[in-house]
Amino acid sequence: MNSVIRCVGIDVGSTTVKAVVLSPDKKNIDFSHYRRHNAEQAAAVHALLARIHEMFPGSRLCVAVCGSGGLSIAKALGAHYVQE
């Protein structure tokens, strides 16, 4: 297993889901994505995390979630929730 830890930020808003993945040294953005979730917040986050997993196989992820729909998503993921 890859020992690289990548920080992931996810913003779950009322209409969109945004995500960013930082480089291991936290100096660059290795991936960012923005999409409308069409009231399917959990499904959109799931698809986004699946894509991140495919792009960075074996990396450990440290995930923080914010946004109006973020609390329930953070709880479901066991991730950190950041109040805006």
C-alpha atoms as a PDB file:
ATOM      1  CA  MET A   1       0.000   0.000   0.000  1.00  0.00           C
ATOM      2  CA  ASN A   2       1.135   3.517  -0.824  1.00  0.00           C
ATOM      3  CA  SER A   3       2.002   5.476   2.319  1.00  0.00           C
ATOM      4  CA  VAL A   4       1.229   8.820   0.678  1.00  0.00           C
ATOM      5  CA  ILE A   5      -1.377  10.837   2.555  1.00  0.00           C
ATOM      6  CA  ARG A   6      -3.459  13.241   0.493  1.00  0.00           C
ATOM      7  CA  CYS A   7      -5.678  15.921   1.971  1.00  0.00           C
ATOM      8  CA  VAL A   8      -9.124  16.160   0.406  1.00  0.00           C
ATOM      9  CA  GLY A   9     -11.554  19.013   0.916  1.00  0.00           C
ATOM     10  CA  ILE A  10     -15.197  18.582  -0.059  1.00  0.00           C
ATOM     11  CA  ASP A  11     -17.798  21.355  -0.053  1.00  0.00           C
ATOM     12  CA  VAL A  12     -21.358  20.024  -0.159  1.00  0.00           C
ATOM     13  CA  GLY A  13     -23.578  22.961  -0.977  1.00  0.00           C
ATOM     14  CA  SER A  14     -27.274  23.315  -1.662  1.00  0.00           C
ATOM     15  CA  THR A  15     -26.810  22.820  -5.414  1.00  0.00           C
ATOM     16  CA  THR A  16     -23.207  21.748  -6.013  1.00  0.00           C
ATOM     17  CA  VAL A  17     -20.403  19.569  -4.732  1.00  0.00           C
ATOM     18  CA  LYS A  18     -16.841  20.824  -5.015  1.00  0.00           C
ATOM     19  CA  ALA A  19     -13.649  18.955  -4.167  1.00  0.00           C
ATOM     20  CA  VAL A  20      -9.931  19.550  -4.098  1.00  0.00           C
ATOM     21  CA  VAL A  21      -7.049  17.120  -3.559  1.00  0.00           C
ATOM     22  CA  LEU A  22      -3.734  18.566  -2.447  1.00  0.00           C
ATOM     23  CA  SER A  23      -0.336  17.218  -3.378  1.00  0.00           C
ATOM     24  CA  PRO A  24       1.375  15.269  -0.584  1.00  0.00           C
ATOM     25  CA  ASP A  25       3.518  18.315   0.267  1.00  0.00           C
ATOM     26  CA  LYS A  26       0.348  20.473   0.278  1.00  0.00           C
ATOM     27  CA  LYS A  27       1.927  22.982  -2.114  1.00  0.00           C
ATOM     28  CA  ASN A  28      -0.134  22.177  -5.210  1.00  0.00           C
ATOM     29  CA  ILE A  29      -3.627  21.164  -6.185  1.00  0.00           C
ATOM     30  CA  ASP A  30      -3.473  17.766  -7.876  1.00  0.00           C
ATOM     31  CA  PHE A  31      -7.205  17.560  -8.616  1.00  0.00           C
ATOM     32  CA  SER A  32     -10.254  19.770  -8.373  1.00  0.00           C
ATOM     33  CA  HIS A  33     -13.820  19.215  -9.468  1.00  0.00           C
ATOM     34  CA  TYR A  34     -17.149  21.056  -9.440  1.00  0.00           C
ATOM     35  CA  ARG A  35     -20.519  19.538 -10.277  1.00  0.00           C
ATOM     36  CA  ARG A  36     -24.210  20.069  -9.691  1.00  0.00           C
ATOM     37  CA  HIS A  37     -25.672  17.311  -7.547  1.00  0.00           C
ATOM     38  CA  ASN A  38     -29.350  17.682  -8.550  1.00  0.00           C
ATOM     39  CA  ALA A  39     -30.498  16.997  -4.955  1.00  0.00           C
ATOM     40  CA  GLU A  40     -28.417  13.788  -4.870  1.00  0.00           C
ATOM     41  CA  GLN A  41     -25.693  14.993  -2.499  1.00  0.00           C
ATOM     42  CA  ALA A  42     -24.612  11.596  -1.189  1.00  0.00           C
ATOM     43  CA  ALA A  43     -24.473  10.027  -4.655  1.00  0.00           C
ATOM     44  CA  ALA A  44     -22.449  12.957  -6.000  1.00  0.00           C
ATOM     45  CA  VAL A  45     -19.940  12.727  -3.140  1.00  0.00           C
ATOM     46  CA  HIS A  46     -19.704   8.948  -3.575  1.00  0.00           C
ATOM     47  CA  ALA A  47     -18.963   9.327  -7.306  1.00  0.00           C
ATOM     48  CA  LEU A  48     -16.402  12.011  -6.578  1.00  0.00           C
ATOM     49  CA  LEU A  49     -14.594   9.917  -3.960  1.00  0.00           C
ATOM     50  CA  ALA A  50     -14.618   6.921  -6.321  1.00  0.00           C
ATOM     51  CA  ARG A  51     -12.975   9.076  -8.983  1.00  0.00           C
ATOM     52  CA  ILE A  52     -10.355  10.324  -6.501  1.00  0.00           C
ATOM     53  CA  HIS A  53      -9.662   6.730  -5.433  1.00  0.00           C
ATOM     54  CA  GLU A  54      -9.106   5.754  -9.088  1.00  0.00           C
ATOM     55  CA  MET A  55      -6.811   8.725  -9.716  1.00  0.00           C
ATOM     56  CA  PHE A  56      -4.678   8.171  -6.610  1.00  0.00           C
ATOM     57  CA  PRO A  57      -4.753   4.411  -5.976  1.00  0.00           C
ATOM     58  CA  GLY A  58      -3.318   3.289  -2.683  1.00  0.00           C
ATOM     59  CA  SER A  59      -3.107   6.798  -1.250  1.00  0.00           C
ATOM     60  CA  ARG A  60      -4.508   7.360   2.213  1.00  0.00           C
ATOM     61  CA  LEU A  61      -7.023  10.196   2.307  1.00  0.00           C
ATOM     62  CA  CYS A  62      -7.530  12.742   5.051  1.00  0.00           C
ATOM     63  CA  VAL A  63     -10.967  14.176   4.304  1.00  0.00           C
ATOM     64  CA  ALA A  64     -12.604  17.353   5.587  1.00  0.00           C
ATOM     65  CA  VAL A  65     -16.127  18.347   4.601  1.00  0.00           C
ATOM     66  CA  CYS A  66     -17.918  21.682   4.786  1.00  0.00           C
ATOM     67  CA  GLY A  67     -21.052  23.252   3.360  1.00  0.00           C
ATOM     68  CA  SER A  68     -24.752  23.348   4.043  1.00  0.00           C
ATOM     69  CA  GLY A  69     -25.119  19.635   3.279  1.00  0.00           C
ATOM     70  CA  GLY A  70     -21.764  18.618   4.659  1.00  0.00           C
ATOM     71  CA  LEU A  71     -22.529  17.586   8.228  1.00  0.00           C
ATOM     72  CA  SER A  72     -24.480  14.437   7.386  1.00  0.00           C
ATOM     73  CA  ILE A  73     -21.971  13.505   4.678  1.00  0.00           C
ATOM     74  CA  ALA A  74     -19.055  13.964   7.096  1.00  0.00           C
ATOM     75  CA  LYS A  75     -20.772  11.789   9.677  1.00  0.00           C
ATOM     76  CA  ALA A  76     -21.430   9.064   7.111  1.00  0.00           C
ATOM     77  CA  LEU A  77     -17.792   9.143   5.983  1.00  0.00           C
ATOM     78  CA  GLY A  78     -16.299   9.438   9.451  1.00  0.00           C
ATOM     79  CA  ALA A  79     -14.611  12.597   8.155  1.00  0.00           C
ATOM     80  CA  HIS A  80     -13.885  15.935   9.769  1.00  0.00           C
ATOM     81  CA  TYR A  81     -16.652  18.534   9.451  1.00  0.00           C
ATOM     82  CA  VAL A  82     -15.601  22.179   9.227  1.00  0.00           C
ATOM     83  CA  GLN A  83     -18.250  24.754  10.072  1.00  0.00           C
ATOM     84  CA  GLU A  84     -18.033  27.595   7.580  1.00  0.00           C
END
